[in-house]
Structures are given as structure tokens and as C-alpha cells.
Amino acid sequence: MRDARDALRAPAAICHILQPGESRRAGPTRYDRRMRVSSWSLVLSVVAVSSGPAAAQPGELPPEATEETVPPPPPVAEPAVAPAPPPPVAIAPAVQTPTPPTTVDRGVIEDANSGRSWLAPTALTPPAGTWSFSDFELLVVGGSYAITDQLQISATTLLPVVEEMPFVGMLSGKFQVARAGRLRAAGQVTVTHFREGEDSATAGTVGGALTLCLDDDCYSHLTGYLGAGLASEDQTSVPFLASAALAVRVAKRVKVLFEADTGFVVGDIDALAEGFLGWYGVRFTSKSIGVDLGFAKPFCDGCEDSGLPMGLPFIAFTFRDFRDGE
């Protein structure tokens, strides 16, 4: 707008310059062709300035522009948002059924031969599901299986290494009936069948064993056994077998064993053995393997010397497929 006002003042200034009075005061005016060109150029410049559009001030719209004609700014695209990841799938842990704790003493678990002394049974039974194989003097073999922690069945036979050897087979079951403190009680039933040629006989034994553990885990124990013999035919007398045994742990894998066996008869015939059969030796123990090395020697009045001062050597071996319920 200021440029337009300045342009309007320009003709007045030119007229003022060309007034005659001013020229006369200043002196006679000389005509100059260059003055005429300059004067017309000045007039044309004023007209051009006054007729031109006014310059827009900063922040103002041009005269021919309106707010409606100004295009809106392009929309700002919102940044793409990545989809949220799916929640992790929870995998439930496998549920394992806990094995019920065993009621078997630790000393029994770590002794594959704990079910017997030398020959007489103890009141100790292995954990449920345990089976074992045993060999006595290479000729007598047997196998057993523990149905429960308290019930065990076994079968034993004499190997027929020669043709004339008789058949002897035994089937037995042992059940632990009581546990009180360090005392264990069990009953055992054994059926024995004997056959030689055309002759055969069947007999049974019913007995019981009491075992006193000498330590809390029953590594060492004292056992007493009493069994009565029963025949398949009528009998008027009953033979009894009595035994006492001691197992003492002397090292982690070693025990010393002692056993004494005797007998007596009750009924029409009353008789008492005049001595006993003694057993002694060592036992090497583990959960799966047990080895007994020892001697059997009779002790009685009038017993003849067999020429073996230490007695008859005896060896027994047991392998056990162990089942630990702990």
C-alpha cells in the first residue's frame, strides 16, 4: 500500500518541478530531449506501480486468494502399528505319579541276600517288584519274586546233572506279618516234592521267623526260626527245625554270618538232636549282587572227623533285579 501512495505523489512532484514560476526563478528553462524521455519514463513507472497488485505482507493471503481456494495440506499418514504377537501357549508339565515310599529297611535294600542267613530264612522281605536268582553249591538253583513289600514267593530245585539224580522241587511263600520298632516277624510255608524213579513223596514245612534289627537301618540283625515238618500221609510225630543266626556288618559291603541249626521230634517219637550244624563265613553285599563264602561244620558228641577241620566249604550267589520304592 505504501508503494501505491508513493506512486500517487510522483506526478505532483513532477508538476512541481515543471511549474513555470520555478523555472523563471531558476532561470530560463532549456529544453532537453533527454528530460522529455526521463519525464515520460517516470510517468509510465508510476502508472505501472499504481496499477500492479499490492505485495502481500508476510502471513497475508494474496488478494485473489481466499481460504476456500487454498488446498488443505495433505493428511499425515499415521505410522503403521505392528499387530501384537499372540500370547505364548502354556505347556502344562507332565504329571508324574509319585512312587509310594517303601516300607523296607535300608539294610535290606542294600543286601541282596537279606532274606536268609545261610539256609534258614529271616523275617526280612525285599521291595515290591523285585525278583532274584540264587544258586547254592552250583547244584541248587532258585528264583523269587516280591509281590508286595511284605509278600515274597520263591521256587527252588536240584539240577539233574546226572541221570540217576532224584528230582527235588520246593515252592515257598513268605509273608511279613509284623513290624514293631526294630522287631520283624514273618511266616513261611514251603512245599517240597521228592521223586526218584517210581517213588515219590510230598512234604511241607510251616514256620515262623523273628528278626531283631541291631541298628536303625537293619544292616545287622539277629534271627530265630522255628519250623514244623508236615507229611502228606498220616503221621504221629512232628519233626521241628530250629535255628539261630547272626549277621554283623563290619564294612560297607561286608558282613560276617553265623548260624546254628538243630532239630527235635515231638509225638510218638520224642527225640532231640545231640548237637547242631554250625555255619560261619563272610557275606559281600550290594543292592543287586550278594555272595556268601563260608563253611558248614557239625558239632556233636561222637561226630567223626571228616578230614576238613574248617568244615565243608559252602558258596551261595544271588543276583537281584532291584526295585527301590523310595
C-alpha atoms as a PDB file:
ATOM      1  CA  MET A   1       0.000   0.000   0.000  1.00  0.00           C
ATOM      2  CA  ARG A   2       2.852   2.421   0.704  1.00  0.00           C
ATOM      3  CA  ASP A   3       4.181   1.856  -2.816  1.00  0.00           C
ATOM      4  CA  ALA A   4       0.825   2.927  -4.256  1.00  0.00           C
ATOM      5  CA  ARG A   5       0.766   6.149  -2.192  1.00  0.00           C
ATOM      6  CA  ASP A   6       4.304   6.956  -3.228  1.00  0.00           C
ATOM      7  CA  ALA A   7       3.290   6.466  -6.832  1.00  0.00           C
ATOM      8  CA  LEU A   8       0.434   8.996  -6.450  1.00  0.00           C
ATOM      9  CA  ARG A   9       2.822  11.590  -5.053  1.00  0.00           C
ATOM     10  CA  ALA A  10       5.156  11.234  -8.030  1.00  0.00           C
ATOM     11  CA  PRO A  11       3.064  13.301 -10.585  1.00  0.00           C
ATOM     12  CA  ALA A  12       2.728  16.153  -8.108  1.00  0.00           C
ATOM     13  CA  ALA A  13       6.411  16.198  -7.670  1.00  0.00           C
ATOM     14  CA  ILE A  14       6.877  16.246 -11.419  1.00  0.00           C
ATOM     15  CA  CYS A  15       4.405  19.121 -11.835  1.00  0.00           C
ATOM     16  CA  HIS A  16       6.154  20.985  -9.115  1.00  0.00           C
ATOM     17  CA  ILE A  17       9.360  20.595 -10.972  1.00  0.00           C
ATOM     18  CA  LEU A  18       7.827  21.817 -14.236  1.00  0.00           C
ATOM     19  CA  GLN A  19       5.962  24.841 -12.776  1.00  0.00           C
ATOM     20  CA  PRO A  20       6.763  27.964 -14.771  1.00  0.00           C
ATOM     21  CA  GLY A  21       7.394  30.073 -11.808  1.00  0.00           C
ATOM     22  CA  GLU A  22      10.022  27.768 -10.600  1.00  0.00           C
ATOM     23  CA  SER A  23      11.639  27.817 -13.967  1.00  0.00           C
ATOM     24  CA  ARG A  24      11.619  31.567 -14.204  1.00  0.00           C
ATOM     25  CA  ARG A  25      13.164  31.840 -10.763  1.00  0.00           C
ATOM     26  CA  ALA A  26      15.758  29.382 -11.590  1.00  0.00           C
ATOM     27  CA  GLY A  27      16.417  30.900 -14.936  1.00  0.00           C
ATOM     28  CA  PRO A  28      15.259  30.165 -18.444  1.00  0.00           C
ATOM     29  CA  THR A  29      14.490  26.591 -18.954  1.00  0.00           C
ATOM     30  CA  ARG A  30      16.395  24.837 -21.708  1.00  0.00           C
ATOM     31  CA  TYR A  31      14.609  22.115 -23.491  1.00  0.00           C
ATOM     32  CA  ASP A  32      16.446  18.855 -23.284  1.00  0.00           C
ATOM     33  CA  ARG A  33      15.324  15.792 -25.221  1.00  0.00           C
ATOM     34  CA  ARG A  34      16.696  13.575 -22.515  1.00  0.00           C
ATOM     35  CA  MET A  35      14.439  15.399 -19.997  1.00  0.00           C
ATOM     36  CA  ARG A  36      11.397  14.543 -22.042  1.00  0.00           C
ATOM     37  CA  VAL A  37      12.307  10.850 -22.173  1.00  0.00           C
ATOM     38  CA  SER A  38      13.066  10.787 -18.492  1.00  0.00           C
ATOM     39  CA  SER A  39       9.765  12.501 -17.646  1.00  0.00           C
ATOM     40  CA  TRP A  40       7.709  10.062 -19.677  1.00  0.00           C
ATOM     41  CA  SER A  41       9.625   7.131 -18.272  1.00  0.00           C
ATOM     42  CA  LEU A  42       8.885   8.367 -14.797  1.00  0.00           C
ATOM     43  CA  VAL A  43       5.171   8.714 -15.564  1.00  0.00           C
ATOM     44  CA  LEU A  44       4.969   5.234 -17.001  1.00  0.00           C
ATOM     45  CA  SER A  45       6.741   3.797 -13.937  1.00  0.00           C
ATOM     46  CA  VAL A  46       4.238   5.480 -11.605  1.00  0.00           C
ATOM     47  CA  VAL A  47       1.302   4.153 -13.635  1.00  0.00           C
ATOM     48  CA  ALA A  48       2.746   0.656 -13.656  1.00  0.00           C
ATOM     49  CA  VAL A  49       3.317   0.707  -9.913  1.00  0.00           C
ATOM     50  CA  SER A  50      -0.143   2.074  -9.154  1.00  0.00           C
ATOM     51  CA  SER A  51      -1.914  -0.448 -11.388  1.00  0.00           C
ATOM     52  CA  GLY A  52       0.113  -3.518 -10.177  1.00  0.00           C
ATOM     53  CA  PRO A  53      -1.062  -5.804  -7.416  1.00  0.00           C
ATOM     54  CA  ALA A  54      -0.159  -4.868  -3.928  1.00  0.00           C
ATOM     55  CA  ALA A  55       2.547  -7.052  -2.416  1.00  0.00           C
ATOM     56  CA  ALA A  56       1.266  -9.416   0.202  1.00  0.00           C
ATOM     57  CA  GLN A  57       2.679  -8.953   3.613  1.00  0.00           C
ATOM     58  CA  PRO A  58       4.160 -11.945   5.357  1.00  0.00           C
ATOM     59  CA  GLY A  59       1.357 -14.062   6.784  1.00  0.00           C
ATOM     60  CA  GLU A  60      -1.320 -12.458   4.499  1.00  0.00           C
ATOM     61  CA  LEU A  61      -3.069 -14.148   1.571  1.00  0.00           C
ATOM     62  CA  PRO A  62      -2.814 -12.613  -1.917  1.00  0.00           C
ATOM     63  CA  PRO A  63      -5.887 -10.512  -2.925  1.00  0.00           C
ATOM     64  CA  GLU A  64      -7.127 -13.062  -5.418  1.00  0.00           C
ATOM     65  CA  ALA A  65      -6.588 -15.976  -2.962  1.00  0.00           C
ATOM     66  CA  THR A  66      -9.084 -16.963  -0.294  1.00  0.00           C
ATOM     67  CA  GLU A  67      -9.125 -19.567   2.378  1.00  0.00           C
ATOM     68  CA  GLU A  68     -11.557 -21.601   0.276  1.00  0.00           C
ATOM     69  CA  THR A  69      -9.238 -21.680  -2.699  1.00  0.00           C
ATOM     70  CA  VAL A  70      -6.150 -22.717  -0.727  1.00  0.00           C
ATOM     71  CA  PRO A  71      -5.903 -26.535  -0.853  1.00  0.00           C
ATOM     72  CA  PRO A  72      -5.737 -28.193   2.521  1.00  0.00           C
ATOM     73  CA  PRO A  73      -2.442 -29.764   3.497  1.00  0.00           C
ATOM     74  CA  PRO A  74      -2.151 -33.439   2.681  1.00  0.00           C
ATOM     75  CA  PRO A  75      -3.152 -35.712   5.535  1.00  0.00           C
ATOM     76  CA  VAL A  76      -0.314 -37.051   7.583  1.00  0.00           C
ATOM     77  CA  ALA A  77      -0.218 -40.800   7.402  1.00  0.00           C
ATOM     78  CA  GLU A  78      -0.191 -42.417  10.808  1.00  0.00           C
ATOM     79  CA  PRO A  79       2.658 -44.857  11.326  1.00  0.00           C
ATOM     80  CA  ALA A  80       1.652 -48.457  10.840  1.00  0.00           C
ATOM     81  CA  VAL A  81       1.322 -50.322  14.100  1.00  0.00           C
ATOM     82  CA  ALA A  82       2.560 -53.894  14.048  1.00  0.00           C
ATOM     83  CA  PRO A  83      -0.018 -56.400  15.301  1.00  0.00           C
ATOM     84  CA  ALA A  84       0.568 -57.683  18.811  1.00  0.00           C
ATOM     85  CA  PRO A  85       2.174 -61.132  18.928  1.00  0.00           C
ATOM     86  CA  PRO A  86      -0.091 -63.953  20.067  1.00  0.00           C
ATOM     87  CA  PRO A  87       0.213 -64.846  23.736  1.00  0.00           C
ATOM     88  CA  PRO A  88       2.577 -67.727  24.454  1.00  0.00           C
ATOM     89  CA  VAL A  89       0.954 -71.106  24.700  1.00  0.00           C
ATOM     90  CA  ALA A  90       1.369 -72.501  28.178  1.00  0.00           C
ATOM     91  CA  ILE A  91       2.510 -76.111  28.153  1.00  0.00           C
ATOM     92  CA  ALA A  92       1.334 -77.994  31.171  1.00  0.00           C
ATOM     93  CA  PRO A  93       4.139 -80.033  32.772  1.00  0.00           C
ATOM     94  CA  ALA A  94       3.789 -83.770  32.627  1.00  0.00           C
ATOM     95  CA  VAL A  95       2.231 -85.092  35.775  1.00  0.00           C
ATOM     96  CA  GLN A  96       4.155 -87.993  37.181  1.00  0.00           C
ATOM     97  CA  THR A  97       2.538 -90.279  39.638  1.00  0.00           C
ATOM     98  CA  PRO A  98       4.795 -90.352  42.700  1.00  0.00           C
ATOM     99  CA  THR A  99       6.049 -93.754  43.689  1.00  0.00           C
ATOM    100  CA  PRO A 100       4.772 -94.658  47.121  1.00  0.00           C
ATOM    101  CA  PRO A 101       7.536 -94.854  49.715  1.00  0.00           C
ATOM    102  CA  THR A 102       8.752 -98.340  50.556  1.00  0.00           C
ATOM    103  CA  THR A 103       8.416 -99.843  53.997  1.00  0.00           C
ATOM    104  CA  VAL A 104      11.553-101.944  53.528  1.00  0.00           C
ATOM    105  CA  ASP A 105      14.535-101.301  55.784  1.00  0.00           C
ATOM    106  CA  ARG A 106      17.602 -99.689  54.219  1.00  0.00           C
ATOM    107  CA  GLY A 107      19.799-102.581  55.297  1.00  0.00           C
ATOM    108  CA  VAL A 108      17.532-104.973  53.386  1.00  0.00           C
ATOM    109  CA  ILE A 109      17.681-102.793  50.266  1.00  0.00           C
ATOM    110  CA  GLU A 110      21.481-102.886  50.261  1.00  0.00           C
ATOM    111  CA  ASP A 111      21.773-106.660  50.864  1.00  0.00           C
ATOM    112  CA  ALA A 112      20.616-108.967  48.060  1.00  0.00           C
ATOM    113  CA  ASN A 113      20.821-111.978  50.439  1.00  0.00           C
ATOM    114  CA  SER A 114      18.986-110.376  53.362  1.00  0.00           C
ATOM    115  CA  GLY A 115      16.031-112.783  53.035  1.00  0.00           C
ATOM    116  CA  ARG A 116      18.048-115.612  54.556  1.00  0.00           C
ATOM    117  CA  SER A 117      21.016-116.318  56.744  1.00  0.00           C
ATOM    118  CA  TRP A 118      22.902-119.383  55.450  1.00  0.00           C
ATOM    119  CA  LEU A 119      19.917-121.666  54.959  1.00  0.00           C
ATOM    120  CA  ALA A 120      17.304-120.519  57.458  1.00  0.00           C
ATOM    121  CA  PRO A 121      15.002-117.675  56.444  1.00  0.00           C
ATOM    122  CA  THR A 122      14.872-114.273  58.098  1.00  0.00           C
ATOM    123  CA  ALA A 123      11.776-112.117  58.628  1.00  0.00           C
ATOM    124  CA  LEU A 124      13.042-109.573  56.075  1.00  0.00           C
ATOM    125  CA  THR A 125      11.475-109.112  52.620  1.00  0.00           C
ATOM    126  CA  PRO A 126      12.620-107.055  49.587  1.00  0.00           C
ATOM    127  CA  PRO A 127      10.682-104.180  47.964  1.00  0.00           C
ATOM    128  CA  ALA A 128       7.681-104.975  45.775  1.00  0.00           C
ATOM    129  CA  GLY A 129       8.526-105.864  42.175  1.00  0.00           C
ATOM    130  CA  THR A 130      11.975-107.270  42.970  1.00  0.00           C
ATOM    131  CA  TRP A 131      12.916-110.614  41.513  1.00  0.00           C
ATOM    132  CA  SER A 132      16.097-112.589  42.162  1.00  0.00           C
ATOM    133  CA  PHE A 133      18.039-115.648  41.078  1.00  0.00           C
ATOM    134  CA  SER A 134      20.035-117.710  43.570  1.00  0.00           C
ATOM    135  CA  ASP A 135      22.500-120.574  43.328  1.00  0.00           C
ATOM    136  CA  PHE A 136      23.740-122.806  46.148  1.00  0.00           C
ATOM    137  CA  GLU A 137      26.792-125.006  45.624  1.00  0.00           C
ATOM    138  CA  LEU A 138      26.199-124.809  41.866  1.00  0.00           C
ATOM    139  CA  LEU A 139      23.646-127.643  42.068  1.00  0.00           C
ATOM    140  CA  VAL A 140      20.684-125.974  43.762  1.00  0.00           C
ATOM    141  CA  VAL A 141      19.104-123.032  41.951  1.00  0.00           C
ATOM    142  CA  GLY A 142      16.093-120.926  42.723  1.00  0.00           C
ATOM    143  CA  GLY A 143      14.183-117.800  41.843  1.00  0.00           C
ATOM    144  CA  SER A 144      11.949-115.469  43.835  1.00  0.00           C
ATOM    145  CA  TYR A 145       9.627-112.534  43.289  1.00  0.00           C
ATOM    146  CA  ALA A 146       8.318-109.918  45.727  1.00  0.00           C
ATOM    147  CA  ILE A 147       4.619-109.307  45.088  1.00  0.00           C
ATOM    148  CA  THR A 148       4.462-106.610  47.759  1.00  0.00           C
ATOM    149  CA  ASP A 149       6.855-105.183  50.316  1.00  0.00           C
ATOM    150  CA  GLN A 150       5.681-107.924  52.682  1.00  0.00           C
ATOM    151  CA  LEU A 151       4.950-110.918  50.408  1.00  0.00           C
ATOM    152  CA  GLN A 152       7.550-112.963  48.543  1.00  0.00           C
ATOM    153  CA  ILE A 153       7.253-116.240  46.643  1.00  0.00           C
ATOM    154  CA  SER A 154      10.101-118.490  45.513  1.00  0.00           C
ATOM    155  CA  ALA A 155      10.850-121.788  43.789  1.00  0.00           C
ATOM    156  CA  THR A 156      13.951-123.961  44.195  1.00  0.00           C
ATOM    157  CA  THR A 157      15.105-127.160  42.552  1.00  0.00           C
ATOM    158  CA  LEU A 158      18.037-129.511  42.354  1.00  0.00           C
ATOM    159  CA  LEU A 159      19.673-129.561  38.944  1.00  0.00           C
ATOM    160  CA  PRO A 160      19.704-133.079  37.430  1.00  0.00           C
ATOM    161  CA  VAL A 161      23.381-133.113  36.485  1.00  0.00           C
ATOM    162  CA  VAL A 162      23.420-136.928  36.309  1.00  0.00           C
ATOM    163  CA  GLU A 163      20.777-139.355  35.131  1.00  0.00           C
ATOM    164  CA  GLU A 164      20.333-141.148  38.455  1.00  0.00           C
ATOM    165  CA  MET A 165      19.866-137.941  40.461  1.00  0.00           C
ATOM    166  CA  PRO A 166      16.441-137.638  42.099  1.00  0.00           C
ATOM    167  CA  PHE A 167      14.160-134.701  41.461  1.00  0.00           C
ATOM    168  CA  VAL A 168      13.668-132.290  44.322  1.00  0.00           C
ATOM    169  CA  GLY A 169      11.472-129.228  43.930  1.00  0.00           C
ATOM    170  CA  MET A 170      10.380-126.684  46.521  1.00  0.00           C
ATOM    171  CA  LEU A 171       7.785-123.915  46.355  1.00  0.00           C
ATOM    172  CA  SER A 172       7.529-121.432  49.213  1.00  0.00           C
ATOM    173  CA  GLY A 173       5.953-118.167  50.243  1.00  0.00           C
ATOM    174  CA  LYS A 174       6.957-115.755  52.976  1.00  0.00           C
ATOM    175  CA  PHE A 175       4.775-113.048  54.433  1.00  0.00           C
ATOM    176  CA  GLN A 176       5.962-110.393  56.868  1.00  0.00           C
ATOM    177  CA  VAL A 177       3.155-110.114  59.389  1.00  0.00           C
ATOM    178  CA  ALA A 178       4.503-107.537  61.840  1.00  0.00           C
ATOM    179  CA  ARG A 179       6.883-104.585  62.236  1.00  0.00           C
ATOM    180  CA  ALA A 180       7.318-103.106  65.681  1.00  0.00           C
ATOM    181  CA  GLY A 181      10.313-100.896  66.358  1.00  0.00           C
ATOM    182  CA  ARG A 182      13.325-102.999  65.430  1.00  0.00           C
ATOM    183  CA  LEU A 183      11.423-106.282  65.534  1.00  0.00           C
ATOM    184  CA  ARG A 184      10.188-108.024  62.378  1.00  0.00           C
ATOM    185  CA  ALA A 185       8.002-111.139  62.251  1.00  0.00           C
ATOM    186  CA  ALA A 186       7.211-113.344  59.243  1.00  0.00           C
ATOM    187  CA  GLY A 187       5.562-116.656  58.483  1.00  0.00           C
ATOM    188  CA  GLN A 188       6.764-119.037  55.793  1.00  0.00           C
ATOM    189  CA  VAL A 189       5.164-122.062  54.134  1.00  0.00           C
ATOM    190  CA  THR A 190       7.190-124.474  51.981  1.00  0.00           C
ATOM    191  CA  VAL A 191       6.022-127.458  49.944  1.00  0.00           C
ATOM    192  CA  THR A 192       8.651-129.993  48.857  1.00  0.00           C
ATOM    193  CA  HIS A 193       8.182-132.732  46.296  1.00  0.00           C
ATOM    194  CA  PHE A 194      10.629-135.620  46.046  1.00  0.00           C
ATOM    195  CA  ARG A 195      10.734-138.217  43.279  1.00  0.00           C
ATOM    196  CA  GLU A 196      13.204-140.974  42.492  1.00  0.00           C
ATOM    197  CA  GLY A 197      12.224-143.495  39.874  1.00  0.00           C
ATOM    198  CA  GLU A 198       8.692-144.586  40.629  1.00  0.00           C
ATOM    199  CA  ASP A 199       8.829-143.489  44.243  1.00  0.00           C
ATOM    200  CA  SER A 200       7.682-140.025  45.228  1.00  0.00           C
ATOM    201  CA  ALA A 201       6.733-138.118  48.349  1.00  0.00           C
ATOM    202  CA  THR A 202       5.452-134.671  49.221  1.00  0.00           C
ATOM    203  CA  ALA A 203       6.014-132.850  52.481  1.00  0.00           C
ATOM    204  CA  GLY A 204       5.584-129.357  53.782  1.00  0.00           C
ATOM    205  CA  THR A 205       7.061-127.029  56.320  1.00  0.00           C
ATOM    206  CA  VAL A 206       5.245-124.335  58.248  1.00  0.00           C
ATOM    207  CA  GLY A 207       7.361-121.982  60.272  1.00  0.00           C
ATOM    208  CA  GLY A 208       7.944-118.514  61.537  1.00  0.00           C
ATOM    209  CA  ALA A 209      10.905-116.206  61.913  1.00  0.00           C
ATOM    210  CA  LEU A 210      11.640-113.327  64.268  1.00  0.00           C
ATOM    211  CA  THR A 211      14.335-110.848  63.300  1.00  0.00           C
ATOM    212  CA  LEU A 212      15.684-108.194  65.640  1.00  0.00           C
ATOM    213  CA  CYS A 213      17.481-105.353  63.893  1.00  0.00           C
ATOM    214  CA  LEU A 214      20.613-104.365  65.793  1.00  0.00           C
ATOM    215  CA  ASP A 215      20.668-100.871  64.237  1.00  0.00           C
ATOM    216  CA  ASP A 216      18.045 -98.459  62.949  1.00  0.00           C
ATOM    217  CA  ASP A 217      18.534 -99.434  59.284  1.00  0.00           C
ATOM    218  CA  CYS A 218      18.760-103.177  59.980  1.00  0.00           C
ATOM    219  CA  TYR A 219      22.208-103.692  58.495  1.00  0.00           C
ATOM    220  CA  SER A 220      22.992-106.064  61.366  1.00  0.00           C
ATOM    221  CA  HIS A 221      20.347-108.394  62.745  1.00  0.00           C
ATOM    222  CA  LEU A 222      19.689-111.441  64.939  1.00  0.00           C
ATOM    223  CA  THR A 223      17.188-114.053  63.727  1.00  0.00           C
ATOM    224  CA  GLY A 224      15.452-117.048  65.259  1.00  0.00           C
ATOM    225  CA  TYR A 225      13.471-119.553  63.205  1.00  0.00           C
ATOM    226  CA  LEU A 226      11.240-122.480  64.129  1.00  0.00           C
ATOM    227  CA  GLY A 227       9.559-124.726  61.535  1.00  0.00           C
ATOM    228  CA  ALA A 228       7.438-127.860  61.752  1.00  0.00           C
ATOM    229  CA  GLY A 229       7.537-130.626  59.134  1.00  0.00           C
ATOM    230  CA  LEU A 230       4.220-131.969  57.834  1.00  0.00           C
ATOM    231  CA  ALA A 231       3.858-135.104  55.699  1.00  0.00           C
ATOM    232  CA  SER A 232       1.162-135.847  53.134  1.00  0.00           C
ATOM    233  CA  GLU A 233       0.387-139.131  54.922  1.00  0.00           C
ATOM    234  CA  ASP A 234      -0.799-139.720  58.458  1.00  0.00           C
ATOM    235  CA  GLN A 235       1.965-139.030  60.925  1.00  0.00           C
ATOM    236  CA  THR A 236       2.139-139.491  64.641  1.00  0.00           C
ATOM    237  CA  SER A 237       5.225-137.426  65.205  1.00  0.00           C
ATOM    238  CA  VAL A 238       6.167-133.945  64.087  1.00  0.00           C
ATOM    239  CA  PRO A 239       9.786-133.022  63.402  1.00  0.00           C
ATOM    240  CA  PHE A 240      10.903-129.473  64.122  1.00  0.00           C
ATOM    241  CA  LEU A 241      13.825-127.479  62.833  1.00  0.00           C
ATOM    242  CA  ALA A 242      15.196-124.679  64.981  1.00  0.00           C
ATOM    243  CA  SER A 243      17.903-122.229  64.037  1.00  0.00           C
ATOM    244  CA  ALA A 244      19.558-119.077  65.276  1.00  0.00           C
ATOM    245  CA  ALA A 245      21.570-116.720  63.079  1.00  0.00           C
ATOM    246  CA  LEU A 246      23.566-113.537  63.459  1.00  0.00           C
ATOM    247  CA  ALA A 247      24.614-111.090  60.715  1.00  0.00           C
ATOM    248  CA  VAL A 248      27.033-108.301  61.689  1.00  0.00           C
ATOM    249  CA  ARG A 249      28.070-105.534  59.363  1.00  0.00           C
ATOM    250  CA  VAL A 250      31.837-104.980  59.582  1.00  0.00           C
ATOM    251  CA  ALA A 251      32.298-102.788  56.493  1.00  0.00           C
ATOM    252  CA  LYS A 252      30.106-101.018  53.989  1.00  0.00           C
ATOM    253  CA  ARG A 253      29.900-104.098  51.764  1.00  0.00           C
ATOM    254  CA  VAL A 254      30.963-106.867  54.137  1.00  0.00           C
ATOM    255  CA  LYS A 255      29.161-108.812  56.850  1.00  0.00           C
ATOM    256  CA  VAL A 256      30.110-111.810  58.940  1.00  0.00           C
ATOM    257  CA  LEU A 257      27.499-114.566  59.291  1.00  0.00           C
ATOM    258  CA  PHE A 258      26.948-117.219  61.933  1.00  0.00           C
ATOM    259  CA  GLU A 259      24.183-119.817  62.013  1.00  0.00           C
ATOM    260  CA  ALA A 260      23.401-122.856  64.160  1.00  0.00           C
ATOM    261  CA  ASP A 261      20.754-125.425  63.138  1.00  0.00           C
ATOM    262  CA  THR A 262      19.318-128.217  65.243  1.00  0.00           C
ATOM    263  CA  GLY A 263      16.160-130.296  65.414  1.00  0.00           C
ATOM    264  CA  PHE A 264      13.863-132.323  67.595  1.00  0.00           C
ATOM    265  CA  VAL A 265      10.810-134.565  67.199  1.00  0.00           C
ATOM    266  CA  VAL A 266       7.545-134.358  69.141  1.00  0.00           C
ATOM    267  CA  GLY A 267       4.875-137.094  69.173  1.00  0.00           C
ATOM    268  CA  ASP A 268       5.014-140.826  69.449  1.00  0.00           C
ATOM    269  CA  ILE A 269       8.705-140.424  68.998  1.00  0.00           C
ATOM    270  CA  ASP A 270      10.345-137.844  71.163  1.00  0.00           C
ATOM    271  CA  ALA A 271      13.910-137.122  70.204  1.00  0.00           C
ATOM    272  CA  LEU A 272      16.334-134.298  70.453  1.00  0.00           C
ATOM    273  CA  ALA A 273      19.386-133.802  68.336  1.00  0.00           C
ATOM    274  CA  GLU A 274      22.601-134.280  70.236  1.00  0.00           C
ATOM    275  CA  GLY A 275      24.348-131.445  68.537  1.00  0.00           C
ATOM    276  CA  PHE A 276      23.950-128.793  65.866  1.00  0.00           C
ATOM    277  CA  LEU A 277      25.237-127.881  62.443  1.00  0.00           C
ATOM    278  CA  GLY A 278      27.305-124.729  62.528  1.00  0.00           C
ATOM    279  CA  TRP A 279      27.774-122.226  59.691  1.00  0.00           C
ATOM    280  CA  TYR A 280      30.200-119.338  59.544  1.00  0.00           C
ATOM    281  CA  GLY A 281      31.728-117.122  56.897  1.00  0.00           C
ATOM    282  CA  VAL A 282      31.509-113.743  55.209  1.00  0.00           C
ATOM    283  CA  ARG A 283      28.926-112.055  53.012  1.00  0.00           C
ATOM    284  CA  PHE A 284      29.679-109.500  50.334  1.00  0.00           C
ATOM    285  CA  THR A 285      26.637-107.329  49.837  1.00  0.00           C
ATOM    286  CA  SER A 286      25.142-104.869  47.370  1.00  0.00           C
ATOM    287  CA  LYS A 287      21.699-103.960  46.083  1.00  0.00           C
ATOM    288  CA  SER A 288      21.899-106.323  43.123  1.00  0.00           C
ATOM    289  CA  ILE A 289      24.523-108.960  43.946  1.00  0.00           C
ATOM    290  CA  GLY A 290      25.237-110.940  47.084  1.00  0.00           C
ATOM    291  CA  VAL A 291      27.900-113.586  47.609  1.00  0.00           C
ATOM    292  CA  ASP A 292      28.269-115.831  50.679  1.00  0.00           C
ATOM    293  CA  LEU A 293      31.530-117.672  51.301  1.00  0.00           C
ATOM    294  CA  GLY A 294      31.816-119.934  54.344  1.00  0.00           C
ATOM    295  CA  PHE A 295      31.906-123.364  55.896  1.00  0.00           C
ATOM    296  CA  ALA A 296      29.407-125.800  57.409  1.00  0.00           C
ATOM    297  CA  LYS A 297      30.647-127.960  60.248  1.00  0.00           C
ATOM    298  CA  PRO A 298      28.741-130.347  62.564  1.00  0.00           C
ATOM    299  CA  PHE A 299      29.238-130.003  66.303  1.00  0.00           C
ATOM    300  CA  CYS A 300      28.119-133.007  68.330  1.00  0.00           C
ATOM    301  CA  ASP A 301      29.335-135.761  70.619  1.00  0.00           C
ATOM    302  CA  GLY A 302      30.738-138.612  68.627  1.00  0.00           C
ATOM    303  CA  CYS A 303      30.843-136.757  65.330  1.00  0.00           C
ATOM    304  CA  GLU A 304      33.581-138.273  63.219  1.00  0.00           C
ATOM    305  CA  ASP A 305      36.329-136.131  61.836  1.00  0.00           C
ATOM    306  CA  SER A 306      35.717-135.671  58.127  1.00  0.00           C
ATOM    307  CA  GLY A 307      39.269-134.561  57.495  1.00  0.00           C
ATOM    308  CA  LEU A 308      38.115-130.977  56.984  1.00  0.00           C
ATOM    309  CA  PRO A 309      38.940-129.131  60.171  1.00  0.00           C
ATOM    310  CA  MET A 310      37.227-125.956  58.991  1.00  0.00           C
ATOM    311  CA  GLY A 311      34.180-127.840  57.721  1.00  0.00           C
ATOM    312  CA  LEU A 312      32.588-128.284  54.316  1.00  0.00           C
ATOM    313  CA  PRO A 313      33.087-125.283  52.040  1.00  0.00           C
ATOM    314  CA  PHE A 314      29.896-123.569  51.042  1.00  0.00           C
ATOM    315  CA  ILE A 315      29.203-120.875  48.467  1.00  0.00           C
ATOM    316  CA  ALA A 316      25.962-119.126  47.560  1.00  0.00           C
ATOM    317  CA  PHE A 317      25.305-116.457  44.980  1.00  0.00           C
ATOM    318  CA  THR A 318      22.304-114.166  44.375  1.00  0.00           C
ATOM    319  CA  PHE A 319      21.520-111.728  41.603  1.00  0.00           C
ATOM    320  CA  ARG A 320      18.591-109.391  42.180  1.00  0.00           C
ATOM    321  CA  ASP A 321      16.719-107.074  39.822  1.00  0.00           C
ATOM    322  CA  PHE A 322      16.294-104.389  42.387  1.00  0.00           C
ATOM    323  CA  ARG A 323      13.217-102.159  42.719  1.00  0.00           C
ATOM    324  CA  ASP A 324      13.760 -99.179  45.016  1.00  0.00           C
ATOM    325  CA  GLY A 325      10.413 -97.645  46.079  1.00  0.00           C
ATOM    326  CA  GLU A 326      11.994 -94.613  47.751  1.00  0.00           C
END
